[in-house]
Amino acid sequence: MTTDIKPRIRVPKSVKKGDVFEVKTLVTHLMESGQRPNKETGSKYPRDIINSFIVTYNAKEVLKATWHAAVSANPYTAFYVVAEESGPMVFTWIDDNGTSYSKEVPIIVAE
């Protein structure tokens, strides 16, 4: 089970209304595929990957992704959003254990 999750988010400090801005995320997670054997016991480590990534902007879903075992450890994601109004952008990662990790960042929209 992953216990040291460190989400990092990069968004502009402020954007103009109607502008498209880039959002970059990186989350620390080992992403155990379930295929790697334990050298001591011979059994496979249990699968533990982030399988869902959801982003909301002012409570409106702007990105939803389903990930599978081929996603790398510490997954990086970048995407674009249109600046509508100031408000929170909430990022949520959910792993195979049902554990949810979230981080909220403010989006400041200037007129």
PDB file of N, CA and C in Angstrom:
ATOM      1  N   MET A   1       0.844  -1.186   0.000  1.00  0.00           N
ATOM      2  CA  MET A   1       0.000   0.000   0.000  1.00  0.00           C
ATOM      3  C   MET A   1       0.881   1.239   0.000  1.00  0.00           C
ATOM      4  N   THR A   2       0.559   2.156  -0.847  1.00  0.00           N
ATOM      5  CA  THR A   2       1.325   3.387  -0.945  1.00  0.00           C
ATOM      6  C   THR A   2       0.893   4.337   0.163  1.00  0.00           C
ATOM      7  N   THR A   3       1.869   4.871   0.894  1.00  0.00           N
ATOM      8  CA  THR A   3       1.511   5.762   2.000  1.00  0.00           C
ATOM      9  C   THR A   3       2.082   7.162   1.830  1.00  0.00           C
ATOM     10  N   ASP A   4       3.040   7.327   0.935  1.00  0.00           N
ATOM     11  CA  ASP A   4       3.712   8.617   0.789  1.00  0.00           C
ATOM     12  C   ASP A   4       3.301   9.295  -0.522  1.00  0.00           C
ATOM     13  N   ILE A   5       2.041   9.706  -0.614  1.00  0.00           N
ATOM     14  CA  ILE A   5       1.505  10.326  -1.818  1.00  0.00           C
ATOM     15  C   ILE A   5       1.765  11.827  -1.759  1.00  0.00           C
ATOM     16  N   LYS A   6       2.372  12.351  -2.834  1.00  0.00           N
ATOM     17  CA  LYS A   6       2.685  13.783  -2.882  1.00  0.00           C
ATOM     18  C   LYS A   6       2.216  14.362  -4.212  1.00  0.00           C
ATOM     19  N   PRO A   7       0.950  14.823  -4.280  1.00  0.00           N
ATOM     20  CA  PRO A   7       0.493  15.442  -5.517  1.00  0.00           C
ATOM     21  C   PRO A   7       1.115  16.826  -5.704  1.00  0.00           C
ATOM     22  N   ARG A   8       1.554  17.097  -6.928  1.00  0.00           N
ATOM     23  CA  ARG A   8       2.065  18.425  -7.277  1.00  0.00           C
ATOM     24  C   ARG A   8       1.274  18.947  -8.464  1.00  0.00           C
ATOM     25  N   ILE A   9       0.863  20.199  -8.365  1.00  0.00           N
ATOM     26  CA  ILE A   9       0.031  20.826  -9.392  1.00  0.00           C
ATOM     27  C   ILE A   9       0.694  22.123  -9.829  1.00  0.00           C
ATOM     28  N   ARG A  10       0.684  22.377 -11.122  1.00  0.00           N
ATOM     29  CA  ARG A  10       1.201  23.654 -11.631  1.00  0.00           C
ATOM     30  C   ARG A  10       0.137  24.278 -12.532  1.00  0.00           C
ATOM     31  N   VAL A  11      -0.341  25.458 -12.101  1.00  0.00           N
ATOM     32  CA  VAL A  11      -1.280  26.260 -12.881  1.00  0.00           C
ATOM     33  C   VAL A  11      -0.771  27.696 -12.865  1.00  0.00           C
ATOM     34  N   PRO A  12      -1.192  28.531 -13.827  1.00  0.00           N
ATOM     35  CA  PRO A  12      -0.768  29.936 -13.794  1.00  0.00           C
ATOM     36  C   PRO A  12      -1.291  30.649 -12.549  1.00  0.00           C
ATOM     37  N   LYS A  13      -0.568  31.684 -12.104  1.00  0.00           N
ATOM     38  CA  LYS A  13      -1.017  32.454 -10.932  1.00  0.00           C
ATOM     39  C   LYS A  13      -2.335  33.165 -11.204  1.00  0.00           C
ATOM     40  N   SER A  14      -2.510  33.647 -12.426  1.00  0.00           N
ATOM     41  CA  SER A  14      -3.794  34.219 -12.838  1.00  0.00           C
ATOM     42  C   SER A  14      -3.906  34.104 -14.357  1.00  0.00           C
ATOM     43  N   VAL A  15      -5.151  34.080 -14.830  1.00  0.00           N
ATOM     44  CA  VAL A  15      -5.424  33.980 -16.261  1.00  0.00           C
ATOM     45  C   VAL A  15      -6.551  34.935 -16.615  1.00  0.00           C
ATOM     46  N   LYS A  16      -6.612  35.334 -17.886  1.00  0.00           N
ATOM     47  CA  LYS A  16      -7.687  36.205 -18.342  1.00  0.00           C
ATOM     48  C   LYS A  16      -8.899  35.363 -18.715  1.00  0.00           C
ATOM     49  N   LYS A  17     -10.066  35.934 -18.471  1.00  0.00           N
ATOM     50  CA  LYS A  17     -11.313  35.240 -18.798  1.00  0.00           C
ATOM     51  C   LYS A  17     -11.319  34.862 -20.273  1.00  0.00           C
ATOM     52  N   GLY A  18     -11.652  33.594 -20.553  1.00  0.00           N
ATOM     53  CA  GLY A  18     -11.705  33.102 -21.923  1.00  0.00           C
ATOM     54  C   GLY A  18     -10.405  32.510 -22.439  1.00  0.00           C
ATOM     55  N   ASP A  19      -9.302  32.757 -21.735  1.00  0.00           N
ATOM     56  CA  ASP A  19      -8.015  32.193 -22.150  1.00  0.00           C
ATOM     57  C   ASP A  19      -7.955  30.696 -21.846  1.00  0.00           C
ATOM     58  N   VAL A  20      -7.190  30.001 -22.664  1.00  0.00           N
ATOM     59  CA  VAL A  20      -6.923  28.590 -22.432  1.00  0.00           C
ATOM     60  C   VAL A  20      -5.610  28.504 -21.650  1.00  0.00           C
ATOM     61  N   PHE A  21      -5.593  27.753 -20.563  1.00  0.00           N
ATOM     62  CA  PHE A  21      -4.364  27.631 -19.771  1.00  0.00           C
ATOM     63  C   PHE A  21      -4.023  26.160 -19.567  1.00  0.00           C
ATOM     64  N   GLU A  22      -2.724  25.911 -19.364  1.00  0.00           N
ATOM     65  CA  GLU A  22      -2.249  24.542 -19.188  1.00  0.00           C
ATOM     66  C   GLU A  22      -2.185  24.187 -17.705  1.00  0.00           C
ATOM     67  N   VAL A  23      -2.585  22.966 -17.409  1.00  0.00           N
ATOM     68  CA  VAL A  23      -2.527  22.412 -16.066  1.00  0.00           C
ATOM     69  C   VAL A  23      -1.573  21.227 -16.115  1.00  0.00           C
ATOM     70  N   LYS A  24      -0.624  21.176 -15.183  1.00  0.00           N
ATOM     71  CA  LYS A  24       0.331  20.069 -15.115  1.00  0.00           C
ATOM     72  C   LYS A  24       0.236  19.434 -13.737  1.00  0.00           C
ATOM     73  N   THR A  25       0.197  18.102 -13.705  1.00  0.00           N
ATOM     74  CA  THR A  25       0.138  17.393 -12.432  1.00  0.00           C
ATOM     75  C   THR A  25       1.170  16.274 -12.399  1.00  0.00           C
ATOM     76  N   LEU A  26       1.664  16.011 -11.224  1.00  0.00           N
ATOM     77  CA  LEU A  26       2.562  14.888 -10.983  1.00  0.00           C
ATOM     78  C   LEU A  26       2.215  14.357  -9.599  1.00  0.00           C
ATOM     79  N   VAL A  27       2.010  13.054  -9.508  1.00  0.00           N
ATOM     80  CA  VAL A  27       1.680  12.460  -8.219  1.00  0.00           C
ATOM     81  C   VAL A  27       2.656  11.326  -7.941  1.00  0.00           C
ATOM     82  N   THR A  28       3.177  11.298  -6.736  1.00  0.00           N
ATOM     83  CA  THR A  28       4.109  10.259  -6.325  1.00  0.00           C
ATOM     84  C   THR A  28       3.324   9.019  -5.915  1.00  0.00           C
ATOM     85  N   HIS A  29       3.506   7.929  -6.651  1.00  0.00           N
ATOM     86  CA  HIS A  29       2.816   6.673  -6.356  1.00  0.00           C
ATOM     87  C   HIS A  29       3.607   5.561  -7.031  1.00  0.00           C
ATOM     88  N   LEU A  30       3.876   4.473  -6.330  1.00  0.00           N
ATOM     89  CA  LEU A  30       4.718   3.406  -6.868  1.00  0.00           C
ATOM     90  C   LEU A  30       4.091   2.658  -8.045  1.00  0.00           C
ATOM     91  N   MET A  31       2.774   2.602  -8.116  1.00  0.00           N
ATOM     92  CA  MET A  31       2.077   1.945  -9.218  1.00  0.00           C
ATOM     93  C   MET A  31       2.544   0.500  -9.397  1.00  0.00           C
ATOM     94  N   GLU A  32       2.354  -0.306  -8.392  1.00  0.00           N
ATOM     95  CA  GLU A  32       2.727  -1.726  -8.454  1.00  0.00           C
ATOM     96  C   GLU A  32       1.767  -2.470  -9.379  1.00  0.00           C
ATOM     97  N   SER A  33       2.293  -3.073 -10.443  1.00  0.00           N
ATOM     98  CA  SER A  33       1.465  -3.702 -11.486  1.00  0.00           C
ATOM     99  C   SER A  33       0.852  -5.034 -11.079  1.00  0.00           C
ATOM    100  N   GLY A  34       1.376  -5.685 -10.061  1.00  0.00           N
ATOM    101  CA  GLY A  34       0.893  -6.995  -9.668  1.00  0.00           C
ATOM    102  C   GLY A  34       1.602  -8.123 -10.400  1.00  0.00           C
ATOM    103  N   GLN A  35       2.588  -7.789 -11.217  1.00  0.00           N
ATOM    104  CA  GLN A  35       3.327  -8.782 -11.989  1.00  0.00           C
ATOM    105  C   GLN A  35       4.704  -9.089 -11.406  1.00  0.00           C
ATOM    106  N   ARG A  36       5.186  -8.240 -10.539  1.00  0.00           N
ATOM    107  CA  ARG A  36       6.553  -8.370 -10.019  1.00  0.00           C
ATOM    108  C   ARG A  36       6.602  -9.351  -8.862  1.00  0.00           C
ATOM    109  N   PRO A  37       7.496 -10.360  -8.935  1.00  0.00           N
ATOM    110  CA  PRO A  37       7.578 -11.333  -7.844  1.00  0.00           C
ATOM    111  C   PRO A  37       8.420 -10.821  -6.674  1.00  0.00           C
ATOM    112  N   ASN A  38       8.018 -11.234  -5.494  1.00  0.00           N
ATOM    113  CA  ASN A  38       8.797 -10.964  -4.290  1.00  0.00           C
ATOM    114  C   ASN A  38       9.922 -11.999  -4.259  1.00  0.00           C
ATOM    115  N   LYS A  39      11.160 -11.556  -4.277  1.00  0.00           N
ATOM    116  CA  LYS A  39      12.308 -12.472  -4.342  1.00  0.00           C
ATOM    117  C   LYS A  39      12.408 -13.385  -3.126  1.00  0.00           C
ATOM    118  N   GLU A  40      11.919 -12.935  -1.991  1.00  0.00           N
ATOM    119  CA  GLU A  40      12.004 -13.735  -0.770  1.00  0.00           C
ATOM    120  C   GLU A  40      10.931 -14.825  -0.701  1.00  0.00           C
ATOM    121  N   THR A  41       9.720 -14.494  -1.105  1.00  0.00           N
ATOM    122  CA  THR A  41       8.615 -15.450  -0.971  1.00  0.00           C
ATOM    123  C   THR A  41       8.230 -16.125  -2.286  1.00  0.00           C
ATOM    124  N   GLY A  42       8.565 -15.508  -3.407  1.00  0.00           N
ATOM    125  CA  GLY A  42       8.182 -16.046  -4.714  1.00  0.00           C
ATOM    126  C   GLY A  42       6.790 -15.639  -5.149  1.00  0.00           C
ATOM    127  N   SER A  43       5.983 -15.139  -4.226  1.00  0.00           N
ATOM    128  CA  SER A  43       4.644 -14.680  -4.605  1.00  0.00           C
ATOM    129  C   SER A  43       4.733 -13.276  -5.200  1.00  0.00           C
ATOM    130  N   LYS A  44       3.721 -12.925  -5.967  1.00  0.00           N
ATOM    131  CA  LYS A  44       3.708 -11.597  -6.607  1.00  0.00           C
ATOM    132  C   LYS A  44       3.221 -10.542  -5.622  1.00  0.00           C
ATOM    133  N   TYR A  45       3.815  -9.342  -5.744  1.00  0.00           N
ATOM    134  CA  TYR A  45       3.320  -8.215  -4.959  1.00  0.00           C
ATOM    135  C   TYR A  45       1.904  -7.902  -5.444  1.00  0.00           C
ATOM    136  N   PRO A  46       0.989  -7.555  -4.560  1.00  0.00           N
ATOM    137  CA  PRO A  46      -0.371  -7.252  -5.010  1.00  0.00           C
ATOM    138  C   PRO A  46      -0.411  -5.963  -5.844  1.00  0.00           C
ATOM    139  N   ARG A  47      -1.295  -5.957  -6.804  1.00  0.00           N
ATOM    140  CA  ARG A  47      -1.452  -4.778  -7.659  1.00  0.00           C
ATOM    141  C   ARG A  47      -1.918  -3.598  -6.815  1.00  0.00           C
ATOM    142  N   ASP A  48      -1.331  -2.444  -7.048  1.00  0.00           N
ATOM    143  CA  ASP A  48      -1.713  -1.201  -6.369  1.00  0.00           C
ATOM    144  C   ASP A  48      -1.376  -0.052  -7.296  1.00  0.00           C
ATOM    145  N   ILE A  49      -2.335   0.307  -8.149  1.00  0.00           N
ATOM    146  CA  ILE A  49      -2.126   1.410  -9.077  1.00  0.00           C
ATOM    147  C   ILE A  49      -3.216   2.455  -8.876  1.00  0.00           C
ATOM    148  N   ILE A  50      -2.929   3.662  -9.327  1.00  0.00           N
ATOM    149  CA  ILE A  50      -3.972   4.681  -9.405  1.00  0.00           C
ATOM    150  C   ILE A  50      -4.795   4.302 -10.632  1.00  0.00           C
ATOM    151  N   ASN A  51      -6.080   4.062 -10.430  1.00  0.00           N
ATOM    152  CA  ASN A  51      -6.901   3.650 -11.560  1.00  0.00           C
ATOM    153  C   ASN A  51      -7.897   4.711 -12.013  1.00  0.00           C
ATOM    154  N   SER A  52      -8.001   5.795 -11.262  1.00  0.00           N
ATOM    155  CA  SER A  52      -8.938   6.853 -11.621  1.00  0.00           C
ATOM    156  C   SER A  52      -8.351   8.219 -11.268  1.00  0.00           C
ATOM    157  N   PHE A  53      -8.505   9.157 -12.188  1.00  0.00           N
ATOM    158  CA  PHE A  53      -8.042  10.530 -11.979  1.00  0.00           C
ATOM    159  C   PHE A  53      -9.165  11.452 -12.425  1.00  0.00           C
ATOM    160  N   ILE A  54      -9.624  12.301 -11.512  1.00  0.00           N
ATOM    161  CA  ILE A  54     -10.754  13.192 -11.786  1.00  0.00           C
ATOM    162  C   ILE A  54     -10.372  14.615 -11.400  1.00  0.00           C
ATOM    163  N   VAL A  55     -10.713  15.566 -12.283  1.00  0.00           N
ATOM    164  CA  VAL A  55     -10.439  16.976 -12.020  1.00  0.00           C
ATOM    165  C   VAL A  55     -11.739  17.754 -12.182  1.00  0.00           C
ATOM    166  N   THR A  56     -12.039  18.585 -11.174  1.00  0.00           N
ATOM    167  CA  THR A  56     -13.191  19.481 -11.286  1.00  0.00           C
ATOM    168  C   THR A  56     -12.708  20.928 -11.189  1.00  0.00           C
ATOM    169  N   TYR A  57     -13.437  21.800 -11.869  1.00  0.00           N
ATOM    170  CA  TYR A  57     -13.155  23.242 -11.844  1.00  0.00           C
ATOM    171  C   TYR A  57     -14.484  23.908 -11.525  1.00  0.00           C
ATOM    172  N   ASN A  58     -14.563  24.555 -10.371  1.00  0.00           N
ATOM    173  CA  ASN A  58     -15.821  25.132  -9.872  1.00  0.00           C
ATOM    174  C   ASN A  58     -16.915  24.066  -9.835  1.00  0.00           C
ATOM    175  N   ALA A  59     -16.573  22.896  -9.318  1.00  0.00           N
ATOM    176  CA  ALA A  59     -17.483  21.761  -9.129  1.00  0.00           C
ATOM    177  C   ALA A  59     -17.969  21.140 -10.447  1.00  0.00           C
ATOM    178  N   LYS A  60     -17.388  21.541 -11.579  1.00  0.00           N
ATOM    179  CA  LYS A  60     -17.751  20.982 -12.884  1.00  0.00           C
ATOM    180  C   LYS A  60     -16.598  20.077 -13.342  1.00  0.00           C
ATOM    181  N   GLU A  61     -16.908  18.844 -13.674  1.00  0.00           N
ATOM    182  CA  GLU A  61     -15.873  17.903 -14.093  1.00  0.00           C
ATOM    183  C   GLU A  61     -15.262  18.342 -15.427  1.00  0.00           C
ATOM    184  N   VAL A  62     -13.930  18.495 -15.442  1.00  0.00           N
ATOM    185  CA  VAL A  62     -13.234  18.906 -16.660  1.00  0.00           C
ATOM    186  C   VAL A  62     -12.324  17.807 -17.204  1.00  0.00           C
ATOM    187  N   LEU A  63     -12.031  16.794 -16.386  1.00  0.00           N
ATOM    188  CA  LEU A  63     -11.216  15.670 -16.838  1.00  0.00           C
ATOM    189  C   LEU A  63     -11.542  14.452 -15.997  1.00  0.00           C
ATOM    190  N   LYS A  64     -11.700  13.319 -16.667  1.00  0.00           N
ATOM    191  CA  LYS A  64     -11.879  12.048 -15.970  1.00  0.00           C
ATOM    192  C   LYS A  64     -11.105  11.007 -16.766  1.00  0.00           C
ATOM    193  N   ALA A  65     -10.181  10.319 -16.104  1.00  0.00           N
ATOM    194  CA  ALA A  65      -9.350   9.326 -16.775  1.00  0.00           C
ATOM    195  C   ALA A  65      -9.379   8.018 -16.002  1.00  0.00           C
ATOM    196  N   THR A  66      -9.399   6.930 -16.751  1.00  0.00           N
ATOM    197  CA  THR A  66      -9.271   5.596 -16.170  1.00  0.00           C
ATOM    198  C   THR A  66      -7.915   5.073 -16.585  1.00  0.00           C
ATOM    199  N   TRP A  67      -7.093   4.738 -15.612  1.00  0.00           N
ATOM    200  CA  TRP A  67      -5.738   4.262 -15.890  1.00  0.00           C
ATOM    201  C   TRP A  67      -5.657   2.766 -15.644  1.00  0.00           C
ATOM    202  N   HIS A  68      -4.704   2.138 -16.341  1.00  0.00           N
ATOM    203  CA  HIS A  68      -4.494   0.696 -16.234  1.00  0.00           C
ATOM    204  C   HIS A  68      -3.051   0.427 -15.835  1.00  0.00           C
ATOM    205  N   ALA A  69      -2.687  -0.832 -15.716  1.00  0.00           N
ATOM    206  CA  ALA A  69      -1.370  -1.227 -15.201  1.00  0.00           C
ATOM    207  C   ALA A  69      -0.191  -0.673 -16.000  1.00  0.00           C
ATOM    208  N   ALA A  70      -0.377  -0.285 -17.232  1.00  0.00           N
ATOM    209  CA  ALA A  70       0.732   0.209 -18.054  1.00  0.00           C
ATOM    210  C   ALA A  70       1.140   1.649 -17.720  1.00  0.00           C
ATOM    211  N   VAL A  71       0.398   2.333 -16.882  1.00  0.00           N
ATOM    212  CA  VAL A  71       0.749   3.697 -16.496  1.00  0.00           C
ATOM    213  C   VAL A  71       1.977   3.649 -15.593  1.00  0.00           C
ATOM    214  N   SER A  72       2.912   4.563 -15.834  1.00  0.00           N
ATOM    215  CA  SER A  72       4.170   4.553 -15.084  1.00  0.00           C
ATOM    216  C   SER A  72       3.987   4.955 -13.627  1.00  0.00           C
ATOM    217  N   ALA A  73       4.989   4.632 -12.839  1.00  0.00           N
ATOM    218  CA  ALA A  73       5.035   5.126 -11.462  1.00  0.00           C
ATOM    219  C   ALA A  73       5.139   6.645 -11.517  1.00  0.00           C
ATOM    220  N   ASN A  74       4.615   7.312 -10.511  1.00  0.00           N
ATOM    221  CA  ASN A  74       4.647   8.775 -10.430  1.00  0.00           C
ATOM    222  C   ASN A  74       4.075   9.418 -11.697  1.00  0.00           C
ATOM    223  N   PRO A  75       2.814   9.115 -12.036  1.00  0.00           N
ATOM    224  CA  PRO A  75       2.258   9.586 -13.305  1.00  0.00           C
ATOM    225  C   PRO A  75       2.158  11.108 -13.411  1.00  0.00           C
ATOM    226  N   TYR A  76       2.546  11.588 -14.593  1.00  0.00           N
ATOM    227  CA  TYR A  76       2.494  12.999 -14.966  1.00  0.00           C
ATOM    228  C   TYR A  76       1.343  13.171 -15.945  1.00  0.00           C
ATOM    229  N   THR A  77       0.549  14.216 -15.752  1.00  0.00           N
ATOM    230  CA  THR A  77      -0.563  14.513 -16.648  1.00  0.00           C
ATOM    231  C   THR A  77      -0.557  16.004 -16.954  1.00  0.00           C
ATOM    232  N   ALA A  78      -0.796  16.348 -18.218  1.00  0.00           N
ATOM    233  CA  ALA A  78      -0.934  17.751 -18.620  1.00  0.00           C
ATOM    234  C   ALA A  78      -2.168  17.869 -19.502  1.00  0.00           C
ATOM    235  N   PHE A  79      -2.928  18.942 -19.315  1.00  0.00           N
ATOM    236  CA  PHE A  79      -4.125  19.168 -20.115  1.00  0.00           C
ATOM    237  C   PHE A  79      -4.445  20.662 -20.098  1.00  0.00           C
ATOM    238  N   TYR A  80      -5.391  21.068 -20.951  1.00  0.00           N
ATOM    239  CA  TYR A  80      -5.748  22.479 -21.082  1.00  0.00           C
ATOM    240  C   TYR A  80      -7.199  22.703 -20.662  1.00  0.00           C
ATOM    241  N   VAL A  81      -7.445  23.893 -20.088  1.00  0.00           N
ATOM    242  CA  VAL A  81      -8.772  24.271 -19.608  1.00  0.00           C
ATOM    243  C   VAL A  81      -9.022  25.719 -20.019  1.00  0.00           C
ATOM    244  N   VAL A  82     -10.278  26.050 -20.298  1.00  0.00           N
ATOM    245  CA  VAL A  82     -10.665  27.429 -20.592  1.00  0.00           C
ATOM    246  C   VAL A  82     -11.000  28.130 -19.276  1.00  0.00           C
ATOM    247  N   ALA A  83     -10.415  29.315 -19.074  1.00  0.00           N
ATOM    248  CA  ALA A  83     -10.674  30.100 -17.859  1.00  0.00           C
ATOM    249  C   ALA A  83     -12.058  30.729 -17.949  1.00  0.00           C
ATOM    250  N   GLU A  84     -12.949  30.321 -17.060  1.00  0.00           N
ATOM    251  CA  GLU A  84     -14.309  30.854 -17.062  1.00  0.00           C
ATOM    252  C   GLU A  84     -14.514  31.863 -15.946  1.00  0.00           C
ATOM    253  N   GLU A  85     -14.195  31.442 -14.717  1.00  0.00           N
ATOM    254  CA  GLU A  85     -14.322  32.321 -13.563  1.00  0.00           C
ATOM    255  C   GLU A  85     -13.428  31.805 -12.450  1.00  0.00           C
ATOM    256  N   SER A  86     -13.119  32.654 -11.515  1.00  0.00           N
ATOM    257  CA  SER A  86     -12.279  32.241 -10.394  1.00  0.00           C
ATOM    258  C   SER A  86     -12.971  31.166  -9.573  1.00  0.00           C
ATOM    259  N   GLY A  87     -12.168  30.255  -9.057  1.00  0.00           N
ATOM    260  CA  GLY A  87     -12.730  29.200  -8.222  1.00  0.00           C
ATOM    261  C   GLY A  87     -11.744  28.070  -8.037  1.00  0.00           C
ATOM    262  N   PRO A  88     -12.123  27.066  -7.266  1.00  0.00           N
ATOM    263  CA  PRO A  88     -11.204  25.971  -6.975  1.00  0.00           C
ATOM    264  C   PRO A  88     -11.130  24.940  -8.104  1.00  0.00           C
ATOM    265  N   MET A  89      -9.951  24.403  -8.286  1.00  0.00           N
ATOM    266  CA  MET A  89      -9.755  23.246  -9.150  1.00  0.00           C
ATOM    267  C   MET A  89      -9.330  22.120  -8.216  1.00  0.00           C
ATOM    268  N   VAL A  90     -10.103  21.036  -8.214  1.00  0.00           N
ATOM    269  CA  VAL A  90      -9.872  19.925  -7.296  1.00  0.00           C
ATOM    270  C   VAL A  90      -9.409  18.707  -8.097  1.00  0.00           C
ATOM    271  N   PHE A  91      -8.304  18.118  -7.668  1.00  0.00           N
ATOM    272  CA  PHE A  91      -7.696  16.966  -8.314  1.00  0.00           C
ATOM    273  C   PHE A  91      -7.843  15.774  -7.378  1.00  0.00           C
ATOM    274  N   THR A  92      -8.334  14.646  -7.901  1.00  0.00           N
ATOM    275  CA  THR A  92      -8.529  13.453  -7.078  1.00  0.00           C
ATOM    276  C   THR A  92      -7.971  12.231  -7.799  1.00  0.00           C
ATOM    277  N   TRP A  93      -7.111  11.506  -7.103  1.00  0.00           N
ATOM    278  CA  TRP A  93      -6.545  10.253  -7.594  1.00  0.00           C
ATOM    279  C   TRP A  93      -7.085   9.144  -6.701  1.00  0.00           C
ATOM    280  N   ILE A  94      -7.528   8.029  -7.299  1.00  0.00           N
ATOM    281  CA  ILE A  94      -8.053   6.900  -6.528  1.00  0.00           C
ATOM    282  C   ILE A  94      -7.277   5.654  -6.929  1.00  0.00           C
ATOM    283  N   ASP A  95      -6.789   4.903  -5.932  1.00  0.00           N
ATOM    284  CA  ASP A  95      -6.001   3.710  -6.254  1.00  0.00           C
ATOM    285  C   ASP A  95      -6.822   2.439  -6.059  1.00  0.00           C
ATOM    286  N   ASP A  96      -6.194   1.294  -6.361  1.00  0.00           N
ATOM    287  CA  ASP A  96      -6.872  -0.003  -6.287  1.00  0.00           C
ATOM    288  C   ASP A  96      -7.400  -0.330  -4.898  1.00  0.00           C
ATOM    289  N   ASN A  97      -6.803   0.227  -3.873  1.00  0.00           N
ATOM    290  CA  ASN A  97      -7.254  -0.025  -2.503  1.00  0.00           C
ATOM    291  C   ASN A  97      -8.462   0.831  -2.128  1.00  0.00           C
ATOM    292  N   GLY A  98      -8.897   1.694  -3.064  1.00  0.00           N
ATOM    293  CA  GLY A  98     -10.018   2.584  -2.785  1.00  0.00           C
ATOM    294  C   GLY A  98      -9.611   3.839  -2.048  1.00  0.00           C
ATOM    295  N   THR A  99      -8.304   3.999  -1.855  1.00  0.00           N
ATOM    296  CA  THR A  99      -7.806   5.191  -1.177  1.00  0.00           C
ATOM    297  C   THR A  99      -7.838   6.363  -2.140  1.00  0.00           C
ATOM    298  N   SER A 100      -8.316   7.490  -1.668  1.00  0.00           N
ATOM    299  CA  SER A 100      -8.454   8.687  -2.478  1.00  0.00           C
ATOM    300  C   SER A 100      -7.473   9.751  -1.990  1.00  0.00           C
ATOM    301  N   TYR A 101      -6.799  10.389  -2.932  1.00  0.00           N
ATOM    302  CA  TYR A 101      -5.854  11.459  -2.621  1.00  0.00           C
ATOM    303  C   TYR A 101      -6.317  12.689  -3.381  1.00  0.00           C
ATOM    304  N   SER A 102      -6.470  13.812  -2.685  1.00  0.00           N
ATOM    305  CA  SER A 102      -6.958  15.027  -3.337  1.00  0.00           C
ATOM    306  C   SER A 102      -6.084  16.220  -3.031  1.00  0.00           C
ATOM    307  N   LYS A 103      -6.121  17.157  -3.946  1.00  0.00           N
ATOM    308  CA  LYS A 103      -5.451  18.441  -3.737  1.00  0.00           C
ATOM    309  C   LYS A 103      -6.285  19.504  -4.445  1.00  0.00           C
ATOM    310  N   GLU A 104      -6.425  20.657  -3.791  1.00  0.00           N
ATOM    311  CA  GLU A 104      -7.204  21.761  -4.346  1.00  0.00           C
ATOM    312  C   GLU A 104      -6.286  22.957  -4.577  1.00  0.00           C
ATOM    313  N   VAL A 105      -6.445  23.600  -5.747  1.00  0.00           N
ATOM    314  CA  VAL A 105      -5.680  24.817  -6.040  1.00  0.00           C
ATOM    315  C   VAL A 105      -6.660  25.891  -6.518  1.00  0.00           C
ATOM    316  N   PRO A 106      -6.396  27.146  -6.183  1.00  0.00           N
ATOM    317  CA  PRO A 106      -7.283  28.217  -6.655  1.00  0.00           C
ATOM    318  C   PRO A 106      -6.935  28.621  -8.089  1.00  0.00           C
ATOM    319  N   ILE A 107      -7.961  28.889  -8.867  1.00  0.00           N
ATOM    320  CA  ILE A 107      -7.786  29.456 -10.208  1.00  0.00           C
ATOM    321  C   ILE A 107      -8.301  30.888 -10.128  1.00  0.00           C
ATOM    322  N   ILE A 108      -7.426  31.834 -10.420  1.00  0.00           N
ATOM    323  CA  ILE A 108      -7.795  33.257 -10.343  1.00  0.00           C
ATOM    324  C   ILE A 108      -7.943  33.790 -11.757  1.00  0.00           C
ATOM    325  N   VAL A 109      -9.166  34.204 -12.076  1.00  0.00           N
ATOM    326  CA  VAL A 109      -9.485  34.708 -13.410  1.00  0.00           C
ATOM    327  C   VAL A 109      -9.641  36.218 -13.323  1.00  0.00           C
ATOM    328  N   ALA A 110      -8.828  36.929 -14.113  1.00  0.00           N
ATOM    329  CA  ALA A 110      -8.888  38.399 -14.166  1.00  0.00           C
ATOM    330  C   ALA A 110      -9.757  38.803 -15.347  1.00  0.00           C
ATOM    331  N   GLU A 111     -10.494  39.851 -15.165  1.00  0.00           N
ATOM    332  CA  GLU A 111     -11.376  40.364 -16.255  1.00  0.00           C
ATOM    333  C   GLU A 111     -10.581  41.043 -17.324  1.00  0.00           C
TER     334      GLU A 111
END
